[in-house]
């Protein structure tokens, strides 16, 4: 096809709303501006196919003057050289697959295909139809036209290959040669699955029954996957997206056509982006010194638990504590020692909190423990346990490290802020009453 000539699309669609949506989809890219002709009746479409140079047909099988498979058969009989893509509803996929077996190049469920996929399908349908026409010629004609076919498919950014009914290679375009490291001369007539498509990413075998390209030969269905793997001539693997389409001649499947892309860079970039997002999420919610949750993360969990506690009428308590005379530790022994106290104390408390509780650094030398399904009385006992464990810790210096604790239980009228204010007030009383003690609200 002339690269300067716009693709001529005949849209045969009775539903005006669907017709508008499809035309908008096809015209949404500045790099793909097809010439679209719309027909809402089969007899109008047949006249268009007779009198116009149509590159591809998008066909709805349900028309006022044509229903079901007969609609496709009449249209296809009038222009068997033109690729057809069937447009169908969710409940008509079986009918659309029958049309594919009878010569349609592809089908899409209306409302479930994005703009770029539809444009790509049109390009592939045109190229697949060209290859199918040339494949039907005699062996002598095929050899004569092979150079032209390679030139046509060389401009496509995907690898394309054609298999016969037994899965043996008949055609390989230059991009496929580049991606696989094999030439057409080296692979022609060989079973391609056994050479380049026999294993998965984890090096376990990919059986022929699971191979999407061979499945399309046996089932007559179109297969698309973003999780395939090919093996290069040098033994290395690459991730690939694959579209495999049955090759049909005289209403019989004679092979398959597959188009594939190397998506290794895309998958690597996606994995790296996912890793960075996870890292950023951890950094945004984790205290870098102690490795426990930070104030932001704690507040998110507290809001959720307050709602749950009030909804199901279960107790929720907070324990807030800070290190007594922490500034003196920093001033006397240095900030490195202060950091050691924060990390060791955090490790001790982390070993003693329950898995469904939340322990967080509130700020500076202040910490917060959210104890779920726990009454004030039991929370006070737990705080006292933590206080004694901390009091028993031994340090490189002779001075003890102690903590003061405040405890409060969620009341019906409490908001998040009010509950935090109450436990903070209890902590303040513990500091005012001599430190190294537990006070309850």
Protein backbone atom coordinates (compact mmCIF):
# COMPACT_ATOMS: atom_id res chain seq x y z
CA UNK A 1 0.00 0.00 0.00
CA UNK A 2 1.24 3.50 -0.83
CA UNK A 3 2.56 4.99 2.41
CA UNK A 4 1.12 8.41 1.43
CA UNK A 5 -2.33 7.08 0.68
CA UNK A 6 -4.74 7.00 3.63
CA UNK A 7 -6.27 3.65 4.50
CA UNK A 8 -9.78 3.36 3.12
CA UNK A 9 -12.10 1.85 5.73
CA UNK A 10 -15.66 0.72 5.04
CA UNK A 11 -17.62 0.72 8.31
CA UNK A 12 -20.80 -1.37 8.03
CA UNK A 13 -22.70 -0.56 11.21
CA UNK A 14 -26.43 -0.09 11.73
CA UNK A 15 -26.26 1.45 15.23
CA UNK A 16 -25.56 5.19 14.77
CA UNK A 17 -24.04 5.58 18.26
CA UNK A 18 -21.63 2.68 17.73
CA UNK A 19 -20.75 4.06 14.29
CA UNK A 20 -19.85 7.47 15.75
CA UNK A 21 -17.73 5.91 18.51
CA UNK A 22 -15.81 3.72 16.08
CA UNK A 23 -15.17 6.60 13.69
CA UNK A 24 -13.92 8.71 16.58
CA UNK A 25 -11.62 5.89 17.70
CA UNK A 26 -10.13 5.51 14.23
CA UNK A 27 -9.54 9.26 13.89
CA UNK A 28 -8.11 9.86 17.37
CA UNK A 29 -4.44 9.61 16.31
CA UNK A 30 -2.75 12.27 14.13
CA UNK A 31 -0.57 9.49 12.68
CA UNK A 32 -3.51 7.36 11.53
CA UNK A 33 -6.13 9.28 9.55
CA UNK A 34 -8.11 6.77 7.49
CA UNK A 35 -10.72 7.61 4.90
CA UNK A 36 -13.92 6.19 6.42
CA UNK A 37 -17.06 5.30 4.50
CA UNK A 38 -20.10 4.42 6.57
CA UNK A 39 -22.92 2.15 5.42
CA UNK A 40 -25.86 1.22 7.64
CA UNK A 41 -27.36 -1.36 5.27
CA UNK A 42 -25.85 -4.41 3.61
CA UNK A 43 -27.01 -3.49 0.11
CA UNK A 44 -25.37 -0.06 0.48
CA UNK A 45 -22.17 -1.72 1.67
CA UNK A 46 -22.16 -4.08 -1.31
CA UNK A 47 -22.36 -1.10 -3.68
CA UNK A 48 -19.46 0.57 -1.85
CA UNK A 49 -17.36 -2.58 -2.16
CA UNK A 50 -18.20 -2.76 -5.86
CA UNK A 51 -17.50 0.88 -6.71
CA UNK A 52 -14.77 1.92 -4.26
CA UNK A 53 -11.20 0.96 -3.51
CA UNK A 54 -11.64 -0.38 0.02
CA UNK A 55 -8.62 -1.46 2.11
CA UNK A 56 -10.43 -2.97 5.07
CA UNK A 57 -14.02 -3.60 6.20
CA UNK A 58 -15.37 -3.32 9.75
CA UNK A 59 -18.58 -5.35 9.73
CA UNK A 60 -21.42 -5.61 12.25
CA UNK A 61 -23.18 -8.94 11.67
CA UNK A 62 -26.59 -7.61 12.73
CA UNK A 63 -28.05 -5.43 9.94
CA UNK A 64 -31.67 -4.77 8.90
CA UNK A 65 -31.16 -6.46 5.56
CA UNK A 66 -28.70 -9.14 6.66
CA UNK A 67 -28.36 -11.24 9.80
CA UNK A 68 -25.62 -13.38 11.32
CA UNK A 69 -23.09 -15.34 9.35
CA UNK A 70 -25.00 -14.84 6.10
CA UNK A 71 -24.21 -11.12 6.37
CA UNK A 72 -20.49 -11.83 6.35
CA UNK A 73 -20.74 -14.46 3.61
CA UNK A 74 -22.55 -12.10 1.24
CA UNK A 75 -20.17 -9.22 1.87
CA UNK A 76 -17.07 -11.40 1.73
CA UNK A 77 -18.19 -13.08 -1.50
CA UNK A 78 -18.43 -9.66 -3.15
CA UNK A 79 -14.88 -8.67 -2.15
CA UNK A 80 -12.80 -11.71 -1.07
CA UNK A 81 -9.62 -9.71 -1.60
CA UNK A 82 -10.55 -7.21 1.14
CA UNK A 83 -9.76 -8.02 4.81
CA UNK A 84 -12.81 -8.11 7.09
CA UNK A 85 -12.82 -7.38 10.83
CA UNK A 86 -16.02 -8.44 12.59
CA UNK A 87 -17.65 -6.14 15.17
CA UNK A 88 -19.75 -8.06 17.65
CA UNK A 89 -21.48 -7.87 21.02
CA UNK A 90 -20.51 -9.95 24.06
CA UNK A 91 -23.18 -12.55 23.28
CA UNK A 92 -22.13 -13.06 19.64
CA UNK A 93 -18.47 -14.06 20.00
CA UNK A 94 -19.14 -17.62 18.82
CA UNK A 95 -20.70 -16.24 15.65
CA UNK A 96 -17.73 -13.92 15.14
CA UNK A 97 -15.31 -16.85 15.48
CA UNK A 98 -17.25 -18.73 12.81
CA UNK A 99 -16.78 -15.74 10.52
CA UNK A 100 -13.02 -15.84 11.23
CA UNK A 101 -12.96 -19.50 10.24
CA UNK A 102 -14.65 -18.57 6.99
CA UNK A 103 -12.12 -15.89 6.10
CA UNK A 104 -12.48 -12.84 8.37
CA UNK A 105 -9.14 -11.58 9.61
CA UNK A 106 -10.13 -10.63 13.16
CA UNK A 107 -13.01 -9.72 15.46
CA UNK A 108 -13.57 -7.34 18.35
CA UNK A 109 -16.26 -7.07 20.98
CA UNK A 110 -17.70 -3.57 20.75
CA UNK A 111 -16.95 -1.49 23.81
CA UNK A 112 -14.01 -3.70 24.87
CA UNK A 113 -11.26 -2.48 22.54
CA UNK A 114 -9.13 0.64 22.86
CA UNK A 115 -8.28 3.05 20.06
CA UNK A 116 -4.68 1.96 19.49
CA UNK A 117 -5.55 -1.75 19.46
CA UNK A 118 -8.25 -1.18 16.83
CA UNK A 119 -5.87 0.81 14.61
CA UNK A 120 -3.20 -1.83 15.02
CA UNK A 121 -5.69 -4.58 14.19
CA UNK A 122 -6.60 -2.79 10.95
CA UNK A 123 -2.96 -2.59 9.89
CA UNK A 124 -2.38 -6.23 10.75
CA UNK A 125 -5.56 -7.32 9.00
CA UNK A 126 -4.43 -5.61 5.80
CA UNK A 127 -0.96 -7.13 5.97
CA UNK A 128 -2.26 -10.59 6.91
CA UNK A 129 -4.71 -10.50 4.03
CA UNK A 130 -1.94 -9.60 1.62
CA UNK A 131 0.15 -12.50 2.84
CA UNK A 132 -2.81 -14.86 2.66
CA UNK A 133 -3.51 -13.93 -0.97
CA UNK A 134 0.08 -14.41 -1.94
CA UNK A 135 0.31 -17.65 0.03
CA UNK A 136 -2.52 -19.12 -2.07
CA UNK A 137 -0.50 -18.79 -5.23
CA UNK A 138 1.50 -21.64 -6.65
CA UNK A 139 4.92 -22.49 -5.28
CA UNK A 140 6.57 -20.86 -8.25
CA UNK A 141 4.57 -17.68 -7.80
CA UNK A 142 5.30 -17.70 -4.07
CA UNK A 143 9.03 -17.87 -4.70
CA UNK A 144 8.80 -15.04 -7.20
CA UNK A 145 6.86 -12.84 -4.81
CA UNK A 146 8.79 -13.69 -1.64
CA UNK A 147 11.17 -10.77 -2.04
CA UNK A 148 8.22 -8.40 -2.42
CA UNK A 149 6.52 -9.87 0.65
CA UNK A 150 9.68 -9.40 2.68
CA UNK A 151 9.86 -5.79 1.56
CA UNK A 152 6.24 -5.22 2.59
CA UNK A 153 6.66 -6.75 6.04
CA UNK A 154 10.12 -5.22 6.53
CA UNK A 155 8.53 -1.83 7.23
CA UNK A 156 6.44 -3.28 10.08
CA UNK A 157 8.03 -2.96 13.51
CA UNK A 158 7.06 -6.51 14.47
CA UNK A 159 8.37 -9.90 13.55
CA UNK A 160 6.01 -11.87 11.31
CA UNK A 161 6.14 -15.54 10.41
CA UNK A 162 3.89 -18.01 8.64
CA UNK A 163 3.50 -21.67 9.61
CA UNK A 164 1.88 -24.49 7.70
CA UNK A 165 -0.65 -26.95 9.14
CA UNK A 166 2.09 -28.95 10.88
CA UNK A 167 3.72 -25.87 12.43
CA UNK A 168 6.62 -25.78 9.97
CA UNK A 169 7.96 -22.39 8.95
CA UNK A 170 7.06 -21.06 5.51
CA UNK A 171 7.88 -17.37 5.81
CA UNK A 172 9.93 -15.11 8.09
CA UNK A 173 10.16 -11.34 7.65
CA UNK A 174 13.42 -9.38 8.20
CA UNK A 175 12.37 -8.11 11.64
CA UNK A 176 11.68 -11.68 12.78
CA UNK A 177 15.11 -12.69 11.50
CA UNK A 178 16.68 -9.85 13.47
CA UNK A 179 14.81 -10.68 16.69
CA UNK A 180 15.40 -14.43 16.52
CA UNK A 181 18.92 -14.45 15.08
CA UNK A 182 17.89 -17.04 12.48
CA UNK A 183 17.45 -16.52 8.75
CA UNK A 184 14.51 -17.77 6.69
CA UNK A 185 16.86 -20.09 4.81
CA UNK A 186 18.01 -21.70 8.08
CA UNK A 187 14.51 -22.29 9.45
CA UNK A 188 12.27 -22.82 6.43
CA UNK A 189 10.46 -26.15 6.68
CA UNK A 190 11.48 -26.72 10.31
CA UNK A 191 9.01 -26.93 13.17
CA UNK A 192 9.34 -23.47 14.66
CA UNK A 193 8.01 -24.46 18.06
CA UNK A 194 10.85 -26.93 18.54
CA UNK A 195 13.46 -24.31 17.61
CA UNK A 196 12.43 -20.96 19.11
CA UNK A 197 9.21 -21.41 21.08
CA UNK A 198 9.73 -24.46 23.29
CA UNK A 199 10.27 -22.93 26.75
CA UNK A 200 8.87 -20.44 29.24
CA UNK A 201 10.64 -17.59 31.01
CA UNK A 202 11.60 -19.89 33.90
CA UNK A 203 13.13 -22.38 31.40
CA UNK A 204 10.37 -24.95 31.99
CA UNK A 205 9.01 -26.58 28.82
CA UNK A 206 6.24 -24.94 26.81
CA UNK A 207 4.26 -27.84 25.43
CA UNK A 208 2.73 -27.74 21.98
CA UNK A 209 -0.69 -27.97 23.58
CA UNK A 210 0.02 -24.69 25.41
CA UNK A 211 1.62 -22.89 22.46
CA UNK A 212 -0.73 -20.07 21.35
CA UNK A 213 0.55 -20.12 17.77
CA UNK A 214 -0.14 -23.85 17.39
CA UNK A 215 -3.44 -23.50 19.24
CA UNK A 216 -4.71 -21.20 16.53
CA UNK A 217 -4.04 -23.90 13.91
CA UNK A 218 -6.00 -26.48 15.88
CA UNK A 219 -8.87 -24.28 17.09
CA UNK A 220 -9.20 -21.64 14.37
CA UNK A 221 -9.23 -18.95 17.07
CA UNK A 222 -7.14 -15.80 17.32
CA UNK A 223 -4.75 -15.72 20.26
CA UNK A 224 -3.15 -12.67 21.87
CA UNK A 225 -0.67 -12.80 24.71
CA UNK A 226 1.73 -10.39 26.41
CA UNK A 227 3.46 -13.15 28.39
CA UNK A 228 5.19 -15.22 25.71
CA UNK A 229 8.90 -16.03 25.44
CA UNK A 230 11.07 -16.77 22.39
CA UNK A 231 14.52 -18.34 22.33
CA UNK A 232 17.12 -16.76 20.07
CA UNK A 233 19.63 -18.70 18.04
CA UNK A 234 22.28 -18.02 20.70
CA UNK A 235 20.06 -19.52 23.41
CA UNK A 236 19.05 -16.28 25.11
CA UNK A 237 15.40 -15.55 25.81
CA UNK A 238 13.30 -12.46 25.25
CA UNK A 239 9.79 -11.57 26.36
CA UNK A 240 7.32 -11.14 23.52
CA UNK A 241 3.78 -10.07 22.81
CA UNK A 242 2.22 -12.32 20.18
CA UNK A 243 -0.87 -12.20 17.99
CA UNK A 244 -1.53 -15.52 16.25
CA UNK A 245 -4.20 -15.82 13.54
CA UNK A 246 -5.36 -18.93 11.66
CA UNK A 247 -4.46 -19.11 7.98
CA UNK A 248 -7.58 -20.25 6.11
CA UNK A 249 -7.91 -21.54 2.56
CA UNK A 250 -11.11 -22.91 1.02
CA UNK A 251 -12.73 -22.77 4.48
CA UNK A 252 -9.99 -25.00 5.90
CA UNK A 253 -7.15 -24.06 8.24
CA UNK A 254 -3.83 -24.47 6.45
CA UNK A 255 -1.56 -22.82 9.01
CA UNK A 256 -1.16 -19.67 11.05
CA UNK A 257 0.29 -16.18 10.84
CA UNK A 258 1.96 -14.74 13.94
CA UNK A 259 3.11 -11.20 14.63
CA UNK A 260 5.37 -10.64 17.64
CA UNK A 261 7.30 -7.86 19.38
CA UNK A 262 10.26 -7.94 21.74
CA UNK A 263 8.86 -6.35 24.91
CA UNK A 264 11.85 -7.07 27.16
CA UNK A 265 12.66 -3.37 27.57
CA UNK A 266 9.00 -2.59 28.26
CA UNK A 267 8.74 -5.33 30.90
CA UNK A 268 12.04 -4.30 32.45
CA UNK A 269 10.90 -0.68 32.59
CA UNK A 270 7.57 -1.75 34.10
CA UNK A 271 9.34 -3.89 36.70
CA UNK A 272 11.71 -1.05 37.55
CA UNK A 273 8.84 1.41 37.81
CA UNK A 274 6.96 -0.98 40.08
CA UNK A 275 10.07 -1.43 42.24
CA UNK A 276 10.59 2.34 42.48
CA UNK A 277 6.94 2.89 43.34
CA UNK A 278 7.18 0.29 46.10
CA UNK A 279 10.37 1.92 47.36
CA UNK A 280 8.79 5.37 47.34
CA UNK A 281 5.74 4.00 49.13
CA UNK A 282 7.96 2.47 51.81
CA UNK A 283 9.98 5.65 52.13
CA UNK A 284 6.82 7.73 52.44
CA UNK A 285 5.45 5.57 55.26
CA UNK A 286 8.58 4.28 57.05
CA UNK A 287 10.86 5.99 59.54
CA UNK A 288 14.36 5.77 58.00
CA UNK A 289 16.25 5.45 61.29
CA UNK A 290 14.20 2.79 63.08
CA UNK A 291 12.51 1.06 60.13
CA UNK A 292 9.05 1.16 61.73
CA UNK A 293 5.99 3.06 60.51
CA UNK A 294 6.12 6.84 60.54
CA UNK A 295 3.48 9.27 61.69
CA UNK A 296 1.80 9.42 58.26
CA UNK A 297 1.41 5.65 58.09
CA UNK A 298 0.19 5.48 61.68
CA UNK A 299 -2.48 8.13 61.11
CA UNK A 300 -3.80 6.23 58.09
CA UNK A 301 -4.14 3.06 60.15
CA UNK A 302 -5.65 4.92 63.10
CA UNK A 303 -8.41 6.42 60.95
CA UNK A 304 -9.27 2.96 59.62
CA UNK A 305 -9.27 1.35 63.08
CA UNK A 306 -11.40 4.11 64.62
CA UNK A 307 -14.06 3.52 61.96
CA UNK A 308 -13.87 -0.25 62.48
CA UNK A 309 -14.00 0.06 66.26
CA UNK A 310 -17.08 2.27 66.21
CA UNK A 311 -18.84 0.20 63.56
CA UNK A 312 -18.37 -3.14 65.32
CA UNK A 313 -18.29 -1.80 68.90
CA UNK A 314 -14.86 -3.25 69.73
CA UNK A 315 -12.35 -1.51 72.02
CA UNK A 316 -9.35 0.38 70.68
CA UNK A 317 -6.57 1.83 72.82
CA UNK A 318 -3.52 3.99 72.22
CA UNK A 319 -0.20 3.92 74.05
CA UNK A 320 2.07 6.91 73.65
CA UNK A 321 5.53 6.97 75.20
CA UNK A 322 8.73 8.92 74.94
CA UNK A 323 12.27 8.51 76.22
CA UNK A 324 13.00 10.29 79.49
CA UNK A 325 15.81 12.86 79.38
CA UNK A 326 16.65 11.99 75.77
CA UNK A 327 18.34 15.34 75.20
CA UNK A 328 20.71 14.55 78.07
CA UNK A 329 21.66 11.28 76.35
CA UNK A 330 22.45 13.12 73.13
CA UNK A 331 24.34 15.91 74.93
CA UNK A 332 26.30 13.53 77.15
CA UNK A 333 27.07 10.60 74.89
CA UNK A 334 26.54 12.08 71.42
CA UNK A 335 23.89 11.78 68.74
CA UNK A 336 25.25 8.44 67.56
CA UNK A 337 24.44 6.98 70.98
CA UNK A 338 21.04 8.63 70.82
CA UNK A 339 20.38 6.92 67.49
CA UNK A 340 21.46 3.60 69.02
CA UNK A 341 18.95 4.06 71.84
CA UNK A 342 16.16 4.76 69.34
CA UNK A 343 16.99 1.70 67.23
CA UNK A 344 17.48 -0.73 70.15
CA UNK A 345 14.40 0.46 71.98
CA UNK A 346 12.37 0.16 68.77
CA UNK A 347 13.64 -3.39 68.21
CA UNK A 348 12.63 -4.36 71.75
CA UNK A 349 9.10 -2.98 71.46
CA UNK A 350 8.66 -4.44 67.94
CA UNK A 351 9.38 -7.92 69.31
CA UNK A 352 6.64 -7.53 71.90
CA UNK A 353 3.75 -5.90 70.03
CA UNK A 354 1.15 -8.12 68.38
CA UNK A 355 1.21 -8.58 64.62
CA UNK A 356 -2.12 -6.80 64.14
CA UNK A 357 -1.12 -3.79 66.28
CA UNK A 358 0.59 -0.72 64.83
CA UNK A 359 3.87 0.60 66.23
CA UNK A 360 5.19 3.89 64.90
CA UNK A 361 7.68 6.64 65.56
CA UNK A 362 5.54 9.67 66.26
CA UNK A 363 8.40 12.15 66.12
CA UNK A 364 11.78 12.71 67.77
CA UNK A 365 11.88 10.40 70.80
CA UNK A 366 8.09 9.91 70.90
CA UNK A 367 6.42 6.65 69.88
CA UNK A 368 2.85 5.42 69.50
CA UNK A 369 1.34 1.95 69.78
CA UNK A 370 -2.19 1.28 68.55
CA UNK A 371 -3.53 -1.83 70.31
CA UNK A 372 -6.63 -3.15 68.60
CA UNK A 373 -9.46 -5.05 70.27
CA UNK A 374 -7.96 -4.05 73.62
CA UNK A 375 -9.60 -2.31 76.57
CA UNK A 376 -7.98 0.43 78.63
CA UNK A 377 -7.21 -1.96 81.48
CA UNK A 378 -5.33 -4.42 79.29
CA UNK A 379 -3.59 -1.63 77.41
CA UNK A 380 -2.29 -0.24 80.71
CA UNK A 381 -0.93 -3.69 81.63
CA UNK A 382 0.77 -3.94 78.25
CA UNK A 383 2.27 -0.46 78.64
CA UNK A 384 3.56 -1.42 82.07
CA UNK A 385 5.16 -4.53 80.56
CA UNK A 386 6.91 -2.41 77.94
CA UNK A 387 8.04 0.08 80.57
CA UNK A 388 9.70 -2.66 82.64
CA UNK A 389 11.34 -4.28 79.62
CA UNK A 390 12.86 -0.93 78.65
CA UNK A 391 13.91 -0.27 82.25
CA UNK A 392 15.76 -3.60 82.31
CA UNK A 393 17.78 -2.89 79.16
CA UNK A 394 21.53 -2.60 79.65
CA UNK A 395 23.57 0.06 77.87
CA UNK A 396 27.29 0.66 77.35
CA UNK A 397 27.05 3.50 79.87
CA UNK A 398 25.92 3.16 83.48
CA UNK A 399 22.89 5.40 83.18
CA UNK A 400 19.52 3.67 82.67
CA UNK A 401 17.20 4.58 79.82
CA UNK A 402 13.58 4.87 80.88
CA UNK A 403 10.32 5.83 79.21
CA UNK A 404 7.09 7.50 80.31
CA UNK A 405 3.76 6.18 79.04
CA UNK A 406 0.29 7.53 78.47
CA UNK A 407 -2.69 5.28 77.71
CA UNK A 408 -6.19 6.13 76.46
CA UNK A 409 -9.13 4.11 75.13
CA UNK A 410 -11.30 5.32 72.25
CA UNK A 411 -14.58 6.85 73.44
CA UNK A 412 -17.74 7.08 71.35
CA UNK A 413 -17.40 10.83 70.91
CA UNK A 414 -13.68 10.71 70.08
CA UNK A 415 -12.30 11.88 66.78
CA UNK A 416 -8.81 10.93 65.66
CA UNK A 417 -7.40 14.24 66.93
CA UNK A 418 -9.24 14.09 70.25
CA UNK A 419 -8.03 10.55 70.98
CA UNK A 420 -4.44 11.60 70.27
CA UNK A 421 -4.85 14.68 72.50
CA UNK A 422 -6.12 12.48 75.35
CA UNK A 423 -3.25 10.01 75.17
CA UNK A 424 -0.78 12.89 74.85
CA UNK A 425 -2.24 14.46 78.00
CA UNK A 426 -1.83 11.16 79.86
CA UNK A 427 1.80 11.00 78.74
CA UNK A 428 2.31 14.58 79.95
CA UNK A 429 1.01 13.60 83.41
CA UNK A 430 3.43 10.65 83.50
CA UNK A 431 6.30 13.06 82.80
CA UNK A 432 5.03 15.55 85.37
CA UNK A 433 4.57 12.86 88.04
CA UNK A 434 8.19 11.70 88.01
CA UNK A 435 8.73 9.88 84.67
CA UNK A 436 9.30 6.14 84.13
CA UNK A 437 5.66 5.45 84.82
CA UNK A 438 2.33 4.74 83.12
CA UNK A 439 -0.61 7.14 83.35
CA UNK A 440 -4.09 6.44 81.99
CA UNK A 441 -6.63 8.91 80.69
